[in-house]
Amino acid sequence: MAGDGEIVIKDVKKVFGPTIAVEDINLTIP
C-alpha cells in the first residue's frame, strides 16, 4: 500500500506540479 501511495504522489506531482505540497496529498490519501 505504501509503495502504491508513493507512486500516486509522484504521478500527482507530475500532473499538478510542485504547487501541491506532499503534506496536503498525504492528508487527502488515507
PDB file of N, CA and C in Angstrom:
ATOM      1  N   MET A   1       0.838  -1.205   0.000  1.00  0.00           N
ATOM      2  CA  MET A   1       0.000   0.000   0.000  1.00  0.00           C
ATOM      3  C   MET A   1       0.875   1.258   0.000  1.00  0.00           C
ATOM      4  N   ALA A   2       1.879   1.262   0.862  1.00  0.00           N
ATOM      5  CA  ALA A   2       2.751   2.440   0.959  1.00  0.00           C
ATOM      6  C   ALA A   2       3.426   2.703  -0.376  1.00  0.00           C
ATOM      7  N   GLY A   3       3.870   1.634  -1.035  1.00  0.00           N
ATOM      8  CA  GLY A   3       4.534   1.801  -2.333  1.00  0.00           C
ATOM      9  C   GLY A   3       3.590   2.424  -3.348  1.00  0.00           C
ATOM     10  N   ASP A   4       2.344   1.946  -3.376  1.00  0.00           N
ATOM     11  CA  ASP A   4       1.363   2.498  -4.317  1.00  0.00           C
ATOM     12  C   ASP A   4       1.111   3.971  -4.008  1.00  0.00           C
ATOM     13  N   GLY A   5       1.044   4.307  -2.728  1.00  0.00           N
ATOM     14  CA  GLY A   5       0.811   5.698  -2.335  1.00  0.00           C
ATOM     15  C   GLY A   5       1.919   6.592  -2.848  1.00  0.00           C
ATOM     16  N   GLU A   6       3.167   6.106  -2.742  1.00  0.00           N
ATOM     17  CA  GLU A   6       4.295   6.913  -3.210  1.00  0.00           C
ATOM     18  C   GLU A   6       4.186   7.136  -4.709  1.00  0.00           C
ATOM     19  N   ILE A   7       3.792   6.090  -5.438  1.00  0.00           N
ATOM     20  CA  ILE A   7       3.656   6.213  -6.898  1.00  0.00           C
ATOM     21  C   ILE A   7       2.562   7.223  -7.229  1.00  0.00           C
ATOM     22  N   VAL A   8       1.454   7.157  -6.508  1.00  0.00           N
ATOM     23  CA  VAL A   8       0.348   8.090  -6.749  1.00  0.00           C
ATOM     24  C   VAL A   8       0.810   9.519  -6.520  1.00  0.00           C
ATOM     25  N   ILE A   9       1.538   9.743  -5.423  1.00  0.00           N
ATOM     26  CA  ILE A   9       2.031  11.089  -5.114  1.00  0.00           C
ATOM     27  C   ILE A   9       2.930  11.583  -6.239  1.00  0.00           C
ATOM     28  N   LYS A  10       3.800  10.710  -6.746  1.00  0.00           N
ATOM     29  CA  LYS A  10       4.695  11.108  -7.837  1.00  0.00           C
ATOM     30  C   LYS A  10       3.885  11.471  -9.073  1.00  0.00           C
ATOM     31  N   ASP A  11       2.862  10.671  -9.393  1.00  0.00           N
ATOM     32  CA  ASP A  11       2.026  10.946 -10.571  1.00  0.00           C
ATOM     33  C   ASP A  11       1.285  12.269 -10.394  1.00  0.00           C
ATOM     34  N   VAL A  12       0.755  12.500  -9.208  1.00  0.00           N
ATOM     35  CA  VAL A  12       0.014  13.743  -8.946  1.00  0.00           C
ATOM     36  C   VAL A  12       0.943  14.937  -9.101  1.00  0.00           C
ATOM     37  N   LYS A  13       2.160  14.827  -8.555  1.00  0.00           N
ATOM     38  CA  LYS A  13       3.103  15.941  -8.649  1.00  0.00           C
ATOM     39  C   LYS A  13       3.490  16.173 -10.102  1.00  0.00           C
ATOM     40  N   LYS A  14       3.525  15.101 -10.895  1.00  0.00           N
ATOM     41  CA  LYS A  14       3.840  15.266 -12.320  1.00  0.00           C
ATOM     42  C   LYS A  14       2.727  16.030 -13.025  1.00  0.00           C
ATOM     43  N   VAL A  15       1.483  15.768 -12.618  1.00  0.00           N
ATOM     44  CA  VAL A  15       0.341  16.403 -13.281  1.00  0.00           C
ATOM     45  C   VAL A  15       0.143  17.835 -12.783  1.00  0.00           C
ATOM     46  N   PHE A  16       0.109  17.997 -11.464  1.00  0.00           N
ATOM     47  CA  PHE A  16      -0.196  19.310 -10.891  1.00  0.00           C
ATOM     48  C   PHE A  16       1.051  20.142 -10.640  1.00  0.00           C
ATOM     49  N   GLY A  17       2.219  19.499 -10.648  1.00  0.00           N
ATOM     50  CA  GLY A  17       3.455  20.230 -10.399  1.00  0.00           C
ATOM     51  C   GLY A  17       3.711  20.411  -8.908  1.00  0.00           C
ATOM     52  N   PRO A  18       4.774  21.125  -8.570  1.00  0.00           N
ATOM     53  CA  PRO A  18       5.177  21.302  -7.167  1.00  0.00           C
ATOM     54  C   PRO A  18       4.254  22.247  -6.398  1.00  0.00           C
ATOM     55  N   THR A  19       3.177  22.706  -7.053  1.00  0.00           N
ATOM     56  CA  THR A  19       2.258  23.633  -6.387  1.00  0.00           C
ATOM     57  C   THR A  19       1.597  22.960  -5.187  1.00  0.00           C
ATOM     58  N   ILE A  20       1.278  21.674  -5.329  1.00  0.00           N
ATOM     59  CA  ILE A  20       0.628  20.944  -4.237  1.00  0.00           C
ATOM     60  C   ILE A  20       1.694  20.362  -3.311  1.00  0.00           C
ATOM     61  N   ALA A  21       1.563  20.637  -2.025  1.00  0.00           N
ATOM     62  CA  ALA A  21       2.531  20.131  -1.057  1.00  0.00           C
ATOM     63  C   ALA A  21       2.283  18.650  -0.789  1.00  0.00           C
ATOM     64  N   VAL A  22       3.361  17.928  -0.512  1.00  0.00           N
ATOM     65  CA  VAL A  22       3.234  16.497  -0.241  1.00  0.00           C
ATOM     66  C   VAL A  22       2.368  16.279   0.992  1.00  0.00           C
ATOM     67  N   GLU A  23       2.464  17.167   1.968  1.00  0.00           N
ATOM     68  CA  GLU A  23       1.663  17.033   3.182  1.00  0.00           C
ATOM     69  C   GLU A  23       0.182  17.055   2.842  1.00  0.00           C
ATOM     70  N   ASP A  24      -0.212  17.932   1.930  1.00  0.00           N
ATOM     71  CA  ASP A  24      -1.622  18.023   1.543  1.00  0.00           C
ATOM     72  C   ASP A  24      -2.082  16.715   0.906  1.00  0.00           C
ATOM     73  N   ILE A  25      -1.217  16.130   0.067  1.00  0.00           N
ATOM     74  CA  ILE A  25      -1.571  14.872  -0.596  1.00  0.00           C
ATOM     75  C   ILE A  25      -1.719  13.767   0.447  1.00  0.00           C
ATOM     76  N   ASN A  26      -0.811  13.742   1.432  1.00  0.00           N
ATOM     77  CA  ASN A  26      -0.870  12.720   2.472  1.00  0.00           C
ATOM     78  C   ASN A  26      -2.186  12.833   3.241  1.00  0.00           C
ATOM     79  N   LEU A  27      -2.660  14.047   3.473  1.00  0.00           N
ATOM     80  CA  LEU A  27      -3.922  14.239   4.185  1.00  0.00           C
ATOM     81  C   LEU A  27      -5.090  13.763   3.330  1.00  0.00           C
ATOM     82  N   THR A  28      -4.955  13.920   2.015  1.00  0.00           N
ATOM     83  CA  THR A  28      -6.038  13.520   1.118  1.00  0.00           C
ATOM     84  C   THR A  28      -6.115  12.005   1.001  1.00  0.00           C
ATOM     85  N   ILE A  29      -4.954  11.349   0.901  1.00  0.00           N
ATOM     86  CA  ILE A  29      -4.925   9.891   0.755  1.00  0.00           C
ATOM     87  C   ILE A  29      -4.832   9.239   2.129  1.00  0.00           C
ATOM     88  N   PRO A  30      -5.809   8.430   2.511  1.00  0.00           N
ATOM     89  CA  PRO A  30      -5.805   7.763   3.822  1.00  0.00           C
ATOM     90  C   PRO A  30      -4.721   6.706   3.909  1.00  0.00           C
TER      91      PRO A  30
END
